[in-house]
C-alpha atoms as a PDB file:
ATOM      1  CA  MET A   1      26.580 143.520 108.642  1.00  0.00           C
ATOM      2  CA  THR A   2      24.744 141.669 111.368  1.00  0.00           C
ATOM      3  CA  TYR A   3      21.371 139.988 111.058  1.00  0.00           C
ATOM      4  CA  VAL A   4      20.366 140.534 114.706  1.00  0.00           C
ATOM      5  CA  THR A   5      21.424 142.801 117.548  1.00  0.00           C
ATOM      6  CA  ASN A   6      21.670 142.220 121.288  1.00  0.00           C
ATOM      7  CA  ASN A   7      18.471 144.255 121.660  1.00  0.00           C
ATOM      8  CA  ASP A   8      16.733 141.831 119.290  1.00  0.00           C
ATOM      9  CA  VAL A   9      17.940 138.926 121.428  1.00  0.00           C
ATOM     10  CA  GLN A  10      16.694 140.620 124.595  1.00  0.00           C
ATOM     11  CA  ALA A  11      13.275 141.263 123.039  1.00  0.00           C
ATOM     12  CA  TRP A  12      13.131 137.644 121.808  1.00  0.00           C
ATOM     13  CA  LEU A  13      14.032 136.079 125.162  1.00  0.00           C
ATOM     14  CA  GLY A  14      12.525 138.641 127.503  1.00  0.00           C
ATOM     15  CA  THR A  15      14.601 140.753 129.877  1.00  0.00           C
ATOM     16  CA  GLN A  16      14.460 138.314 132.772  1.00  0.00           C
ATOM     17  CA  ALA A  17      15.698 135.321 130.737  1.00  0.00           C
ATOM     18  CA  TYR A  18      18.261 137.528 128.966  1.00  0.00           C
ATOM     19  CA  ILE A  19      19.833 138.407 132.312  1.00  0.00           C
ATOM     20  CA  LYS A  20      19.487 134.913 133.784  1.00  0.00           C
ATOM     21  CA  LEU A  21      21.228 133.238 130.841  1.00  0.00           C
ATOM     22  CA  THR A  22      24.200 135.626 130.757  1.00  0.00           C
ATOM     23  CA  ASP A  23      24.781 136.835 134.331  1.00  0.00           C
ATOM     24  CA  ASP A  24      27.596 134.562 135.517  1.00  0.00           C
ATOM     25  CA  SER A  25      28.750 136.939 138.260  1.00  0.00           C
ATOM     26  CA  GLY A  26      25.358 137.364 139.918  1.00  0.00           C
ATOM     27  CA  SER A  27      25.362 141.130 139.424  1.00  0.00           C
ATOM     28  CA  GLY A  28      21.750 141.228 138.244  1.00  0.00           C
ATOM     29  CA  THR A  29      22.684 142.634 134.834  1.00  0.00           C
ATOM     30  CA  ALA A  30      23.220 140.924 131.510  1.00  0.00           C
ATOM     31  CA  ASP A  31      26.756 140.229 130.330  1.00  0.00           C
ATOM     32  CA  GLU A  32      26.732 141.662 126.811  1.00  0.00           C
ATOM     33  CA  THR A  33      29.979 139.846 125.999  1.00  0.00           C
ATOM     34  CA  LYS A  34      28.207 136.492 126.449  1.00  0.00           C
ATOM     35  CA  VAL A  35      25.379 137.642 124.188  1.00  0.00           C
ATOM     36  CA  ASP A  36      27.891 138.830 121.579  1.00  0.00           C
ATOM     37  CA  GLU A  37      29.621 135.428 121.657  1.00  0.00           C
ATOM     38  CA  ALA A  38      26.349 133.594 121.127  1.00  0.00           C
ATOM     39  CA  ARG A  39      25.196 136.022 118.437  1.00  0.00           C
ATOM     40  CA  PHE A  40      28.465 135.986 116.478  1.00  0.00           C
ATOM     41  CA  GLY A  41      28.624 132.197 116.729  1.00  0.00           C
ATOM     42  CA  ALA A  42      25.066 131.857 115.429  1.00  0.00           C
ATOM     43  CA  GLU A  43      25.735 134.298 112.574  1.00  0.00           C
ATOM     44  CA  GLY A  44      28.895 132.407 111.657  1.00  0.00           C
ATOM     45  CA  GLU A  45      26.985 129.130 111.682  1.00  0.00           C
ATOM     46  CA  ALA A  46      24.272 130.568 109.442  1.00  0.00           C
ATOM     47  CA  ASN A  47      26.816 132.140 107.089  1.00  0.00           C
ATOM     48  CA  SER A  48      28.661 128.818 106.786  1.00  0.00           C
ATOM     49  CA  TYR A  49      25.500 127.354 105.245  1.00  0.00           C
ATOM     50  CA  LEU A  50      24.543 130.423 103.210  1.00  0.00           C
ATOM     51  CA  ALA A  51      28.058 130.808 101.770  1.00  0.00           C
ATOM     52  CA  THR A  52      27.665 127.641  99.714  1.00  0.00           C
ATOM     53  CA  ARG A  53      25.278 129.606  97.490  1.00  0.00           C
ATOM     54  CA  TYR A  54      25.336 133.305  98.342  1.00  0.00           C
ATOM     55  CA  LYS A  55      27.752 136.094  99.078  1.00  0.00           C
ATOM     56  CA  VAL A  56      27.791 136.476 102.867  1.00  0.00           C
ATOM     57  CA  PRO A  57      26.737 138.270 104.846  1.00  0.00           C
ATOM     58  CA  VAL A  58      23.555 138.356 102.777  1.00  0.00           C
ATOM     59  CA  ASP A  59      22.489 141.944 102.126  1.00  0.00           C
ATOM     60  CA  VAL A  60      19.070 142.186 103.747  1.00  0.00           C
ATOM     61  CA  SER A  61      18.757 145.973 103.613  1.00  0.00           C
ATOM     62  CA  SER A  62      16.412 146.001 100.618  1.00  0.00           C
ATOM     63  CA  GLU A  63      14.739 142.632 101.194  1.00  0.00           C
ATOM     64  CA  PRO A  64      12.411 142.661 104.229  1.00  0.00           C
ATOM     65  CA  GLU A  65      11.294 139.062 103.629  1.00  0.00           C
ATOM     66  CA  ILE A  66      14.853 137.733 103.720  1.00  0.00           C
ATOM     67  CA  GLU A  67      15.582 139.897 106.752  1.00  0.00           C
ATOM     68  CA  ALA A  68      12.551 138.523 108.615  1.00  0.00           C
ATOM     69  CA  VAL A  69      13.246 134.865 107.915  1.00  0.00           C
ATOM     70  CA  LEU A  70      16.965 135.111 108.685  1.00  0.00           C
ATOM     71  CA  ARG A  71      16.270 137.088 111.855  1.00  0.00           C
ATOM     72  CA  SER A  72      13.812 134.475 113.089  1.00  0.00           C
ATOM     73  CA  PHE A  73      16.168 131.553 112.510  1.00  0.00           C
ATOM     74  CA  LEU A  74      19.178 133.439 113.867  1.00  0.00           C
ATOM     75  CA  LEU A  75      17.309 134.273 117.051  1.00  0.00           C
ATOM     76  CA  ASP A  76      16.496 130.584 117.459  1.00  0.00           C
ATOM     77  CA  LEU A  77      20.210 129.736 117.099  1.00  0.00           C
ATOM     78  CA  VAL A  78      21.260 132.458 119.561  1.00  0.00           C
ATOM     79  CA  SER A  79      18.600 131.356 122.026  1.00  0.00           C
ATOM     80  CA  TYR A  80      19.897 127.779 121.881  1.00  0.00           C
ATOM     81  CA  ARG A  81      23.490 128.898 122.403  1.00  0.00           C
ATOM     82  CA  LEU A  82      22.538 130.971 125.440  1.00  0.00           C
ATOM     83  CA  HIS A  83      20.362 128.233 126.925  1.00  0.00           C
ATOM     84  CA  SER A  84      23.135 125.680 126.407  1.00  0.00           C
ATOM     85  CA  ARG A  85      25.232 127.698 128.864  1.00  0.00           C
ATOM     86  CA  ARG A  86      22.724 126.649 131.553  1.00  0.00           C
ATOM     87  CA  PRO A  87      21.757 123.019 130.792  1.00  0.00           C
ATOM     88  CA  PRO A  88      19.417 121.338 130.346  1.00  0.00           C
ATOM     89  CA  VAL A  89      18.204 123.095 127.214  1.00  0.00           C
ATOM     90  CA  PRO A  90      14.379 123.142 127.057  1.00  0.00           C
ATOM     91  CA  ASP A  91      12.963 120.796 124.412  1.00  0.00           C
ATOM     92  CA  ASP A  92      11.230 123.641 122.557  1.00  0.00           C
ATOM     93  CA  ILE A  93      14.486 125.607 122.270  1.00  0.00           C
ATOM     94  CA  ALA A  94      16.357 122.527 120.990  1.00  0.00           C
ATOM     95  CA  ARG A  95      13.576 121.757 118.488  1.00  0.00           C
ATOM     96  CA  ARG A  96      13.619 125.306 117.114  1.00  0.00           C
ATOM     97  CA  ARG A  97      17.414 125.164 116.739  1.00  0.00           C
ATOM     98  CA  ASP A  98      17.108 121.876 114.825  1.00  0.00           C
ATOM     99  CA  GLU A  99      14.478 123.440 112.555  1.00  0.00           C
ATOM    100  CA  ALA A 100      16.762 126.417 111.888  1.00  0.00           C
ATOM    101  CA  VAL A 101      19.699 124.154 110.985  1.00  0.00           C
ATOM    102  CA  THR A 102      17.458 122.033 108.754  1.00  0.00           C
ATOM    103  CA  TRP A 103      16.217 125.123 106.928  1.00  0.00           C
ATOM    104  CA  LEU A 104      19.760 126.467 106.501  1.00  0.00           C
ATOM    105  CA  SER A 105      20.977 123.136 105.137  1.00  0.00           C
ATOM    106  CA  ARG A 106      18.081 123.108 102.662  1.00  0.00           C
ATOM    107  CA  VAL A 107      19.005 126.610 101.508  1.00  0.00           C
ATOM    108  CA  SER A 108      22.588 125.417 101.175  1.00  0.00           C
ATOM    109  CA  SER A 109      21.592 122.453  99.019  1.00  0.00           C
ATOM    110  CA  GLY A 110      19.243 124.519  96.853  1.00  0.00           C
ATOM    111  CA  MET A 111      16.058 122.780  98.030  1.00  0.00           C
ATOM    112  CA  VAL A 112      14.855 126.085  99.501  1.00  0.00           C
ATOM    113  CA  GLN A 113      15.349 129.542  98.006  1.00  0.00           C
ATOM    114  CA  LEU A 114      15.655 132.746  99.984  1.00  0.00           C
ATOM    115  CA  PRO A 115      12.384 134.723  99.620  1.00  0.00           C
ATOM    116  CA  SER A 116      13.501 137.593  97.444  1.00  0.00           C
ATOM    117  CA  ALA A 117      11.957 139.741  94.760  1.00  0.00           C
ATOM    118  CA  LEU A 118      15.446 140.359  93.366  1.00  0.00           C
ATOM    119  CA  ALA A 119      18.182 137.808  92.798  1.00  0.00           C
ATOM    120  CA  VAL A 120      20.419 137.410  95.838  1.00  0.00           C
ATOM    121  CA  GLN A 121      24.074 137.862  94.939  1.00  0.00           C
ATOM    122  CA  GLU A 122      25.773 134.498  94.490  1.00  0.00           C
ATOM    123  CA  ASN A 123      29.099 133.687  96.111  1.00  0.00           C
ATOM    124  CA  SER A 124      31.716 134.517  93.468  1.00  0.00           C
ATOM    125  CA  ALA A 125      34.390 132.660  95.449  1.00  0.00           C
ATOM    126  CA  LEU A 126      32.790 129.391  94.394  1.00  0.00           C
ATOM    127  CA  GLY A 127      33.952 129.961  90.820  1.00  0.00           C
ATOM    128  CA  ILE A 128      32.076 129.524  87.594  1.00  0.00           C
ATOM    129  CA  VAL A 129      28.909 127.501  87.858  1.00  0.00           C
ATOM    130  CA  GLY A 130      28.359 125.199  84.879  1.00  0.00           C
ATOM    131  CA  ARG A 131      24.936 125.138  83.338  1.00  0.00           C
ATOM    132  CA  ALA A 132      23.742 122.862  80.561  1.00  0.00           C
ATOM    133  CA  VAL A 133      22.430 124.544  77.437  1.00  0.00           C
ATOM    134  CA  GLY A 134      21.176 123.209  74.160  1.00  0.00           C
ATOM    135  CA  PRO A 135      18.732 120.542  73.103  1.00  0.00           C
ATOM    136  CA  ASP A 136      17.718 117.563  75.236  1.00  0.00           C
ATOM    137  CA  ARG A 137      19.841 114.408  75.109  1.00  0.00           C
ATOM    138  CA  GLU A 138      19.083 112.150  72.191  1.00  0.00           C
ATOM    139  CA  MET A 139      20.578 108.965  73.621  1.00  0.00           C
ATOM    140  CA  THR A 140      19.159 108.226  77.047  1.00  0.00           C
ATOM    141  CA  ARG A 141      19.033 104.936  78.942  1.00  0.00           C
ATOM    142  CA  LYS A 142      15.296 104.677  78.357  1.00  0.00           C
ATOM    143  CA  LYS A 143      15.570 105.268  74.601  1.00  0.00           C
ATOM    144  CA  LEU A 144      18.422 102.815  74.255  1.00  0.00           C
ATOM    145  CA  LYS A 145      16.553 100.196  76.272  1.00  0.00           C
ATOM    146  CA  ASP A 146      13.580 100.421  73.933  1.00  0.00           C
ATOM    147  CA  LEU A 147      15.765  99.602  70.866  1.00  0.00           C
END
């Protein structure tokens, strides 16, 4: 399952930039192999963050909000990868890539949750997750200090 397609990338960048960033031979047409490389690399990068919490690839078929947010950040990552083939990378493109990586790292750490009406399937490869149950602790540092 992919989060974005080459057509999505072309629509995001515009046809002229899409061709300019991938046409190494000067043929005047986009090299789809270069777009695939950038897209698969960006999806792998995103999945490396998401996999710390969720089963990847994340199933976005029934969650349009997750699909929209992942698509937006993935397109920023793909755009950066394609622009980095023709340095210098514009500041706006680099900033958007940094924002995407920051968001993904926050999802990975649990500071940000994926916007979903249903629970997103957790990564079962991570093993059993321990959760504390029962009453609050009776002996805490603060309580002991007050004695």
